Amino acid sequence: MVSPSNHEPLLCAPFDRLRTSGYKFTQGEAQCYDPSALTGGIEIDDAKLRELLVALQSGSLAVDEALERLRRLPYEDLGFAEVDHHRALRKGFPEVILGEGKSDEQIVAIAERLLAHGDRLLVTRIGPSSYAALKQAIPDAVYHPAARAATVSRRSEPLLPGVAVVCAGTGDLPVADEAAVTVELMGSQAERVYDVGVAGLHRLLDRLAVLRAANAVVVVAGMEGALPSVVAGLIAAPVVAVPTSVGYGASFGGLAPLLAMLNACAPGVAVVNIDNGFGGGYLAAVINRLACRERGD
């Protein structure tokens, strides 16, 4: 028999595996992990969970209603997707939809469930036709053409300063904009410093004060990928390097800048995948949030 002290955390273990292992579920656990109980979705973060518990404590929320909300916390089965409503609580930001490879109907269905009780939505790699379908279902969705991203933000909190997004050339703008959109939806201000590649280094030096004021800097570059190492050598903050597929034949679709960034001489450089502006922006926003929390901002 599996006991609570030695089985993997319930939120990570499939219901069927735990059930067949001999673990004895309480009635509440069985309902929580039985997919048939997932009749609706709820995206929940620390603030919303705290509100729920305070309401329960004050008596303004009935115990049965609180149980019903928590029952749908882990994930929701849509048949073609398992929507992770628990991610905002674990990570501080809800699940993100990668639009590439999904039908319009799938994107809309997932988006509607994420926003059923949530206040933020990010869809990356989404084209104009898919956005039109999303906009029809969710009128407050906003399209960012350069970033190929759609967002919904129903929060009114001010953005935290502390992130700069740098790109080497105009050809890198789609990836840089994806990073900037991600940063801002995650609650940080993205200071854009564009078209400052190493072929004209004086352009970068003119913006050095902005970079030195940041807690994290995303640097996007294709071609030979030298810019992140240059920036990291000039500032104390961590640099998140994003290689792009921009360049001529021997750039090998972004492989050359990726390898250059991985071999950066300057310390303090973390590298994400080719054209992954979302990943770079996400990491920078997390770093900034932690830095602001440490200072008590």
Protein backbone atom coordinates (compact mmCIF):
# COMPACT_ATOMS: atom_id res chain seq x y z
CA MET A 1 0.00 0.00 0.00
CA VAL A 2 1.19 3.51 -0.77
CA SER A 3 1.11 5.87 2.17
CA PRO A 4 1.00 9.68 2.09
CA SER A 5 4.58 9.77 3.33
CA ASN A 6 6.12 7.85 0.46
CA HIS A 7 3.99 8.33 -2.65
CA GLU A 8 4.64 11.16 -5.10
CA PRO A 9 2.59 14.33 -4.52
CA LEU A 10 -1.06 13.89 -5.36
CA LEU A 11 -1.10 16.86 -7.70
CA CYS A 12 1.57 15.21 -9.87
CA ALA A 13 0.41 11.60 -9.84
CA PRO A 14 -2.22 10.31 -12.27
CA PHE A 15 -5.44 9.34 -10.59
CA ASP A 16 -5.53 5.83 -12.07
CA ARG A 17 -1.98 5.00 -11.00
CA LEU A 18 -2.69 5.99 -7.41
CA ARG A 19 -5.98 4.15 -7.41
CA THR A 20 -4.43 0.89 -8.65
CA SER A 21 -1.47 1.20 -6.25
CA GLY A 22 -3.71 0.55 -3.26
CA TYR A 23 -3.72 4.07 -1.89
CA LYS A 24 -6.96 4.74 -0.01
CA PHE A 25 -8.51 7.97 -1.19
CA THR A 26 -10.71 10.03 1.06
CA GLN A 27 -14.04 10.97 -0.48
CA GLY A 28 -12.76 14.49 -1.18
CA GLU A 29 -9.58 13.23 -2.87
CA ALA A 30 -11.51 10.80 -5.02
CA GLN A 31 -13.84 13.56 -6.19
CA CYS A 32 -10.93 15.93 -6.79
CA TYR A 33 -9.00 13.48 -8.96
CA ASP A 34 -11.91 11.84 -10.75
CA PRO A 35 -12.05 13.45 -14.20
CA SER A 36 -15.83 13.01 -14.23
CA ALA A 37 -16.04 15.53 -11.38
CA LEU A 38 -14.41 18.24 -13.49
CA THR A 39 -17.55 19.91 -14.77
CA GLY A 40 -15.95 23.35 -15.01
CA GLY A 41 -12.63 25.13 -14.76
CA ILE A 42 -11.02 27.57 -12.37
CA GLU A 43 -7.67 29.29 -12.74
CA ILE A 44 -6.38 30.17 -9.30
CA ASP A 45 -3.32 31.99 -8.01
CA ASP A 46 -2.11 32.91 -4.53
CA ALA A 47 -4.31 36.00 -4.32
CA LYS A 48 -7.46 34.20 -5.41
CA LEU A 49 -6.79 31.28 -3.09
CA ARG A 50 -6.28 33.70 -0.21
CA GLU A 51 -9.56 35.46 -1.06
CA LEU A 52 -11.34 32.13 -1.06
CA LEU A 53 -9.92 31.13 2.34
CA VAL A 54 -10.71 34.55 3.87
CA ALA A 55 -14.28 34.33 2.56
CA LEU A 56 -14.60 30.85 4.02
CA GLN A 57 -13.24 32.01 7.37
CA SER A 58 -15.57 35.01 7.50
CA GLY A 59 -18.60 32.88 6.66
CA SER A 60 -19.43 34.71 3.43
CA LEU A 61 -18.61 31.56 1.47
CA ALA A 62 -20.28 28.25 2.23
CA VAL A 63 -18.09 25.20 2.84
CA ASP A 64 -19.77 23.27 0.01
CA GLU A 65 -19.10 26.10 -2.44
CA ALA A 66 -15.46 26.28 -1.37
CA LEU A 67 -15.12 22.53 -1.88
CA GLU A 68 -16.68 22.81 -5.32
CA ARG A 69 -14.17 25.47 -6.36
CA LEU A 70 -11.18 23.55 -5.02
CA ARG A 71 -12.40 20.30 -6.56
CA ARG A 72 -11.73 21.68 -10.03
CA LEU A 73 -8.30 23.03 -9.12
CA PRO A 74 -5.81 20.53 -10.64
CA TYR A 75 -6.87 20.30 -14.29
CA GLU A 76 -9.81 20.10 -16.63
CA ASP A 77 -10.28 17.46 -19.31
CA LEU A 78 -11.51 18.96 -22.60
CA GLY A 79 -11.07 15.70 -24.49
CA PHE A 80 -8.28 17.07 -26.68
CA ALA A 81 -6.46 18.99 -23.90
CA GLU A 82 -5.89 18.78 -20.16
CA VAL A 83 -6.12 22.41 -19.06
CA ASP A 84 -3.81 23.02 -16.10
CA HIS A 85 -5.78 25.30 -13.79
CA HIS A 86 -3.31 24.70 -10.96
CA ARG A 87 -0.36 26.24 -12.80
CA ALA A 88 -1.03 29.80 -11.69
CA LEU A 89 -0.79 28.64 -8.07
CA ARG A 90 2.42 26.68 -8.66
CA LYS A 91 4.15 29.12 -10.99
CA GLY A 92 2.50 32.52 -10.42
CA PHE A 93 1.26 32.65 -14.03
CA PRO A 94 -1.45 30.64 -15.81
CA GLU A 95 -0.93 28.10 -18.57
CA VAL A 96 0.09 29.62 -21.91
CA ILE A 97 -1.43 28.44 -25.19
CA LEU A 98 0.93 27.69 -28.06
CA GLY A 99 -1.31 28.46 -31.03
CA GLU A 100 0.92 26.76 -33.57
CA GLY A 101 -0.54 23.40 -34.60
CA LYS A 102 -3.90 23.99 -32.94
CA SER A 103 -7.21 24.58 -34.69
CA ASP A 104 -9.18 27.77 -34.12
CA GLU A 105 -11.77 25.79 -32.19
CA GLN A 106 -9.14 24.28 -29.89
CA ILE A 107 -7.53 27.65 -29.17
CA VAL A 108 -10.88 29.24 -28.35
CA ALA A 109 -12.01 26.35 -26.15
CA ILE A 110 -8.82 26.35 -24.07
CA ALA A 111 -8.81 30.15 -23.83
CA GLU A 112 -12.41 30.27 -22.61
CA ARG A 113 -11.71 27.74 -19.87
CA LEU A 114 -8.55 29.56 -18.74
CA LEU A 115 -10.48 32.83 -18.53
CA ALA A 116 -13.57 31.32 -16.91
CA HIS A 117 -12.27 32.49 -13.53
CA GLY A 118 -8.88 33.91 -14.49
CA ASP A 119 -7.75 37.37 -15.48
CA ARG A 120 -4.82 36.78 -17.86
CA LEU A 121 -4.37 34.93 -21.12
CA LEU A 122 -1.41 34.56 -23.46
CA VAL A 123 -1.57 32.79 -26.82
CA THR A 124 1.72 32.61 -28.71
CA ARG A 125 2.33 31.85 -32.38
CA ILE A 126 -1.20 32.73 -33.40
CA GLY A 127 -2.09 33.96 -36.88
CA PRO A 128 -4.67 36.63 -37.84
CA SER A 129 -7.39 34.13 -38.77
CA SER A 130 -7.12 32.28 -35.46
CA TYR A 131 -7.08 35.59 -33.63
CA ALA A 132 -10.30 36.62 -35.40
CA ALA A 133 -11.98 33.49 -34.02
CA LEU A 134 -10.58 34.22 -30.56
CA LYS A 135 -11.72 37.86 -30.70
CA GLN A 136 -15.25 36.80 -31.59
CA ALA A 137 -15.41 34.59 -28.50
CA ILE A 138 -13.41 36.89 -26.20
CA PRO A 139 -14.02 40.54 -27.17
CA ASP A 140 -11.30 42.00 -24.93
CA ALA A 141 -8.55 39.93 -26.54
CA VAL A 142 -5.74 42.05 -28.01
CA TYR A 143 -3.57 41.07 -30.97
CA HIS A 144 0.13 41.92 -31.20
CA PRO A 145 0.95 41.42 -34.90
CA ALA A 146 4.73 41.70 -34.68
CA ALA A 147 4.86 39.25 -31.78
CA ARG A 148 2.26 36.95 -33.35
CA ALA A 149 0.63 36.81 -29.93
CA ALA A 150 -2.80 37.46 -28.42
CA THR A 151 -3.35 38.57 -24.85
CA VAL A 152 -6.09 39.29 -22.35
CA SER A 153 -5.35 41.26 -19.20
CA ARG A 154 -8.08 42.07 -16.73
CA ARG A 155 -5.73 43.36 -14.04
CA SER A 156 -5.22 47.00 -13.13
CA GLU A 157 -2.00 46.64 -11.15
CA PRO A 158 0.94 48.89 -12.13
CA LEU A 159 3.80 47.18 -13.92
CA LEU A 160 7.03 46.58 -12.04
CA PRO A 161 10.05 48.33 -13.56
CA GLY A 162 13.21 46.30 -14.08
CA VAL A 163 13.24 44.45 -17.43
CA ALA A 164 14.88 45.55 -20.66
CA VAL A 165 14.36 43.77 -23.97
CA VAL A 166 17.20 44.32 -26.43
CA CYS A 167 17.39 43.18 -30.03
CA ALA A 168 20.22 43.35 -32.50
CA GLY A 169 18.34 44.15 -35.71
CA THR A 170 14.92 44.88 -37.14
CA GLY A 171 14.71 41.29 -38.40
CA ASP A 172 14.74 40.12 -34.77
CA LEU A 173 11.68 42.21 -33.84
CA PRO A 174 9.08 39.39 -33.92
CA VAL A 175 11.03 37.40 -31.33
CA ALA A 176 11.86 40.49 -29.25
CA ASP A 177 8.23 41.61 -29.27
CA GLU A 178 7.11 38.16 -28.15
CA ALA A 179 9.48 38.52 -25.20
CA ALA A 180 8.25 42.04 -24.40
CA VAL A 181 4.57 41.07 -24.57
CA THR A 182 5.25 38.14 -22.24
CA VAL A 183 7.13 40.33 -19.77
CA GLU A 184 4.33 42.88 -19.61
CA LEU A 185 1.54 40.35 -19.22
CA MET A 186 3.50 38.82 -16.34
CA GLY A 187 3.44 42.16 -14.53
CA SER A 188 6.73 43.83 -15.45
CA GLN A 189 7.44 46.82 -17.65
CA ALA A 190 9.47 45.98 -20.76
CA GLU A 191 11.88 48.73 -21.73
CA ARG A 192 12.48 48.16 -25.44
CA VAL A 193 15.95 48.79 -26.81
CA TYR A 194 15.83 47.80 -30.47
CA ASP A 195 18.24 47.74 -33.41
CA VAL A 196 21.45 48.11 -31.39
CA GLY A 197 23.52 45.26 -32.85
CA VAL A 198 27.31 45.00 -32.71
CA ALA A 199 27.72 46.37 -36.26
CA GLY A 200 27.00 49.79 -34.71
CA LEU A 201 28.04 49.41 -31.09
CA HIS A 202 27.68 53.15 -30.36
CA ARG A 203 23.88 52.66 -30.55
CA LEU A 204 24.03 50.20 -27.66
CA LEU A 205 26.32 52.41 -25.58
CA ASP A 206 23.87 55.28 -25.87
CA ARG A 207 21.29 53.12 -24.03
CA LEU A 208 23.66 51.74 -21.42
CA ALA A 209 21.97 53.58 -18.53
CA VAL A 210 18.70 51.78 -19.30
CA LEU A 211 20.42 48.40 -19.30
CA ARG A 212 22.30 49.04 -16.06
CA ALA A 213 19.06 50.00 -14.29
CA ALA A 214 17.41 46.66 -15.13
CA ASN A 215 17.14 43.59 -12.93
CA ALA A 216 17.11 41.33 -15.99
CA VAL A 217 17.87 41.94 -19.66
CA VAL A 218 16.58 39.86 -22.57
CA VAL A 219 18.96 40.05 -25.55
CA VAL A 220 17.67 38.82 -28.90
CA ALA A 221 20.06 38.35 -31.82
CA GLY A 222 20.56 36.33 -34.98
CA MET A 223 23.50 36.30 -37.43
CA GLU A 224 26.66 35.57 -35.37
CA GLY A 225 24.84 36.07 -32.02
CA ALA A 226 27.50 38.24 -30.38
CA LEU A 227 25.26 40.82 -28.72
CA PRO A 228 24.37 38.94 -25.47
CA SER A 229 28.04 38.46 -24.58
CA VAL A 230 28.73 42.16 -25.21
CA VAL A 231 25.78 43.25 -23.05
CA ALA A 232 26.67 40.81 -20.26
CA GLY A 233 30.16 42.26 -20.14
CA LEU A 234 28.79 45.75 -19.50
CA ILE A 235 26.12 45.18 -16.81
CA ALA A 236 25.67 43.36 -13.50
CA ALA A 237 22.16 42.00 -14.16
CA PRO A 238 21.59 38.53 -15.61
CA VAL A 239 21.21 38.34 -19.38
CA VAL A 240 18.69 36.02 -21.01
CA ALA A 241 19.99 35.34 -24.51
CA VAL A 242 17.54 34.45 -27.29
CA PRO A 243 19.03 33.30 -30.61
CA THR A 244 16.94 33.87 -33.71
CA SER A 245 16.80 32.16 -37.07
CA VAL A 246 17.65 35.43 -38.83
CA GLY A 247 20.80 35.22 -40.95
CA TYR A 248 22.38 33.87 -44.11
CA GLY A 249 23.24 30.26 -44.97
CA ALA A 250 25.96 29.50 -42.43
CA SER A 251 23.77 30.69 -39.56
CA PHE A 252 21.99 27.35 -40.03
CA GLY A 253 18.55 28.65 -39.05
CA GLY A 254 19.72 30.00 -35.71
CA LEU A 255 22.15 27.24 -34.75
CA ALA A 256 25.21 29.51 -35.18
CA PRO A 257 23.96 32.21 -32.77
CA LEU A 258 22.72 29.53 -30.36
CA LEU A 259 26.19 27.99 -30.15
CA ALA A 260 27.81 31.42 -29.88
CA MET A 261 25.57 32.34 -26.96
CA LEU A 262 26.20 29.03 -25.22
CA ASN A 263 29.92 29.79 -25.53
CA ALA A 264 29.64 33.38 -24.29
CA CYS A 265 32.81 34.60 -22.63
CA ALA A 266 31.02 37.02 -20.31
CA PRO A 267 29.47 35.37 -17.22
CA GLY A 268 25.80 35.74 -16.29
CA VAL A 269 24.27 34.61 -19.59
CA ALA A 270 21.40 32.10 -19.73
CA VAL A 271 20.32 30.86 -23.16
CA VAL A 272 16.89 29.72 -24.34
CA ASN A 273 15.92 27.99 -27.57
CA ILE A 274 15.99 29.47 -31.07
CA ASP A 275 13.23 32.06 -31.66
CA ASN A 276 11.85 31.44 -28.15
CA GLY A 277 10.96 34.99 -27.21
CA PHE A 278 8.28 33.71 -24.85
CA GLY A 279 10.80 31.65 -22.88
CA GLY A 280 13.22 34.55 -22.63
CA GLY A 281 10.56 37.00 -21.54
CA TYR A 282 9.13 34.56 -19.02
CA LEU A 283 12.49 34.00 -17.34
CA ALA A 284 13.27 37.71 -17.20
CA ALA A 285 9.87 38.49 -15.67
CA VAL A 286 10.37 35.84 -12.98
CA ILE A 287 13.82 37.22 -12.15
CA ASN A 288 12.42 40.75 -11.90
CA ARG A 289 9.50 39.70 -9.73
CA LEU A 290 11.85 37.96 -7.30
CA ALA A 291 14.22 40.96 -7.27
CA CYS A 292 11.36 43.36 -6.53
CA ARG A 293 10.03 41.08 -3.82
CA GLU A 294 13.47 40.93 -2.22
CA ARG A 295 13.58 44.74 -2.09
CA GLY A 296 9.99 44.96 -0.90
CA ASP A 297 8.75 46.86 -3.98
